Amino acid sequence: MGFFRTSFTLMFGMGCGVYVAQNYDVPNVKKLFNTYMFLAKHIEETYRKPKRDD
């Protein structure tokens, strides 16, 4: 019984995802992730403590 419930949930989720992607303006998640990673690296490099020369 668990196999059918899991399969139904997966198929229902895929169907809803396809419907939403076709009918609404969904942002590109990969592009957003890359933008946030670039900002995080920029902030880290800007505010990083200077290395000490011993």
N, C-alpha and C. Protein backbone atom coordinates (compact mmCIF):
# COMPACT_ATOMS: atom_id res chain seq x y z
N MET A 1 0.82 -1.19 0.00
CA MET A 1 0.00 0.00 0.00
C MET A 1 0.86 1.25 0.00
N GLY A 2 2.03 1.20 0.61
CA GLY A 2 2.92 2.35 0.68
C GLY A 2 3.43 2.77 -0.69
N PHE A 3 3.64 1.76 -1.57
CA PHE A 3 4.14 2.06 -2.91
C PHE A 3 3.14 2.90 -3.69
N PHE A 4 1.86 2.55 -3.61
CA PHE A 4 0.83 3.28 -4.35
C PHE A 4 0.65 4.69 -3.78
N ARG A 5 0.71 4.82 -2.48
CA ARG A 5 0.56 6.15 -1.87
C ARG A 5 1.72 7.05 -2.28
N THR A 6 2.95 6.51 -2.25
CA THR A 6 4.12 7.28 -2.63
C THR A 6 4.07 7.65 -4.11
N SER A 7 3.67 6.71 -4.95
CA SER A 7 3.57 6.97 -6.38
C SER A 7 2.51 8.03 -6.67
N PHE A 8 1.37 7.93 -6.00
CA PHE A 8 0.31 8.91 -6.20
C PHE A 8 0.78 10.30 -5.78
N THR A 9 1.45 10.40 -4.65
CA THR A 9 1.95 11.68 -4.17
C THR A 9 2.96 12.27 -5.15
N LEU A 10 3.84 11.44 -5.65
CA LEU A 10 4.84 11.89 -6.62
C LEU A 10 4.17 12.39 -7.90
N MET A 11 3.24 11.63 -8.43
CA MET A 11 2.56 12.02 -9.68
C MET A 11 1.72 13.28 -9.48
N PHE A 12 1.06 13.39 -8.35
CA PHE A 12 0.25 14.58 -8.06
C PHE A 12 1.15 15.81 -7.95
N GLY A 13 2.28 15.68 -7.28
CA GLY A 13 3.22 16.79 -7.15
C GLY A 13 3.80 17.21 -8.48
N MET A 14 4.14 16.23 -9.32
CA MET A 14 4.66 16.56 -10.65
C MET A 14 3.61 17.26 -11.48
N GLY A 15 2.39 16.79 -11.42
CA GLY A 15 1.30 17.42 -12.17
C GLY A 15 1.07 18.86 -11.73
N CYS A 16 1.06 19.09 -10.44
CA CYS A 16 0.90 20.46 -9.93
C CYS A 16 2.08 21.33 -10.34
N GLY A 17 3.28 20.79 -10.30
CA GLY A 17 4.46 21.55 -10.69
C GLY A 17 4.45 21.94 -12.15
N VAL A 18 4.03 21.01 -13.01
CA VAL A 18 3.93 21.31 -14.44
C VAL A 18 2.88 22.38 -14.69
N TYR A 19 1.75 22.27 -14.03
CA TYR A 19 0.68 23.26 -14.18
C TYR A 19 1.15 24.65 -13.77
N VAL A 20 1.80 24.74 -12.61
CA VAL A 20 2.26 26.03 -12.11
C VAL A 20 3.33 26.60 -13.05
N ALA A 21 4.26 25.77 -13.52
CA ALA A 21 5.33 26.25 -14.39
C ALA A 21 4.78 26.76 -15.72
N GLN A 22 3.72 26.18 -16.22
CA GLN A 22 3.16 26.59 -17.50
C GLN A 22 2.28 27.83 -17.38
N ASN A 23 1.62 28.01 -16.26
CA ASN A 23 0.63 29.07 -16.16
C ASN A 23 1.06 30.28 -15.33
N TYR A 24 2.18 30.20 -14.63
CA TYR A 24 2.62 31.31 -13.80
C TYR A 24 4.07 31.64 -14.09
N ASP A 25 4.48 32.85 -13.76
CA ASP A 25 5.85 33.27 -13.97
C ASP A 25 6.69 32.83 -12.78
N VAL A 26 7.28 31.66 -12.89
CA VAL A 26 8.07 31.07 -11.82
C VAL A 26 9.53 31.48 -12.02
N PRO A 27 10.21 32.00 -10.99
CA PRO A 27 11.61 32.42 -11.16
C PRO A 27 12.52 31.22 -11.38
N ASN A 28 13.63 31.49 -12.06
CA ASN A 28 14.64 30.47 -12.31
C ASN A 28 15.45 30.28 -11.02
N VAL A 29 15.28 29.16 -10.36
CA VAL A 29 15.90 28.92 -9.06
C VAL A 29 17.41 28.83 -9.18
N LYS A 30 17.91 28.23 -10.23
CA LYS A 30 19.35 28.10 -10.41
C LYS A 30 20.00 29.48 -10.55
N LYS A 31 19.36 30.37 -11.30
CA LYS A 31 19.89 31.72 -11.47
C LYS A 31 19.87 32.48 -10.14
N LEU A 32 18.79 32.35 -9.37
CA LEU A 32 18.72 33.01 -8.07
C LEU A 32 19.80 32.49 -7.14
N PHE A 33 20.02 31.18 -7.13
CA PHE A 33 21.04 30.57 -6.28
C PHE A 33 22.43 31.10 -6.63
N ASN A 34 22.73 31.17 -7.93
CA ASN A 34 24.04 31.68 -8.35
C ASN A 34 24.21 33.15 -7.97
N THR A 35 23.16 33.93 -8.07
CA THR A 35 23.23 35.34 -7.68
C THR A 35 23.51 35.47 -6.19
N TYR A 36 22.82 34.71 -5.37
CA TYR A 36 23.04 34.77 -3.92
C TYR A 36 24.44 34.27 -3.54
N MET A 37 24.93 33.26 -4.23
CA MET A 37 26.28 32.78 -3.95
C MET A 37 27.31 33.85 -4.31
N PHE A 38 27.11 34.55 -5.43
CA PHE A 38 28.02 35.63 -5.81
C PHE A 38 28.00 36.74 -4.75
N LEU A 39 26.81 37.11 -4.29
CA LEU A 39 26.72 38.15 -3.26
C LEU A 39 27.39 37.71 -1.96
N ALA A 40 27.20 36.46 -1.58
CA ALA A 40 27.81 35.96 -0.34
C ALA A 40 29.34 35.98 -0.45
N LYS A 41 29.89 35.57 -1.59
CA LYS A 41 31.34 35.60 -1.77
C LYS A 41 31.86 37.03 -1.75
N HIS A 42 31.13 37.93 -2.38
CA HIS A 42 31.54 39.33 -2.41
C HIS A 42 31.56 39.92 -0.99
N ILE A 43 30.54 39.65 -0.22
CA ILE A 43 30.47 40.16 1.15
C ILE A 43 31.58 39.55 2.01
N GLU A 44 31.83 38.26 1.83
CA GLU A 44 32.89 37.61 2.61
C GLU A 44 34.25 38.22 2.28
N GLU A 45 34.55 38.43 1.00
CA GLU A 45 35.84 38.99 0.61
C GLU A 45 35.97 40.44 1.07
N THR A 46 34.87 41.17 1.08
CA THR A 46 34.91 42.58 1.48
C THR A 46 35.17 42.73 2.97
N TYR A 47 34.53 41.94 3.80
CA TYR A 47 34.59 42.11 5.25
C TYR A 47 35.50 41.10 5.94
N ARG A 48 36.31 40.38 5.21
CA ARG A 48 37.22 39.40 5.80
C ARG A 48 38.33 40.12 6.56
N LYS A 49 38.72 39.55 7.68
CA LYS A 49 39.83 40.13 8.45
C LYS A 49 41.12 39.97 7.63
N PRO A 50 41.99 40.97 7.68
CA PRO A 50 43.26 40.83 6.95
C PRO A 50 44.13 39.75 7.61
N LYS A 51 44.90 39.06 6.78
CA LYS A 51 45.78 38.02 7.30
C LYS A 51 46.97 38.67 8.01
N ARG A 52 47.36 38.05 9.14
CA ARG A 52 48.50 38.56 9.89
C ARG A 52 49.79 37.97 9.32
N ASP A 53 50.80 38.80 9.20
CA ASP A 53 52.12 38.33 8.76
C ASP A 53 52.98 38.10 9.99
N ASP A 54 53.25 36.85 10.29
CA ASP A 54 54.07 36.51 11.48
C ASP A 54 55.50 36.28 11.07
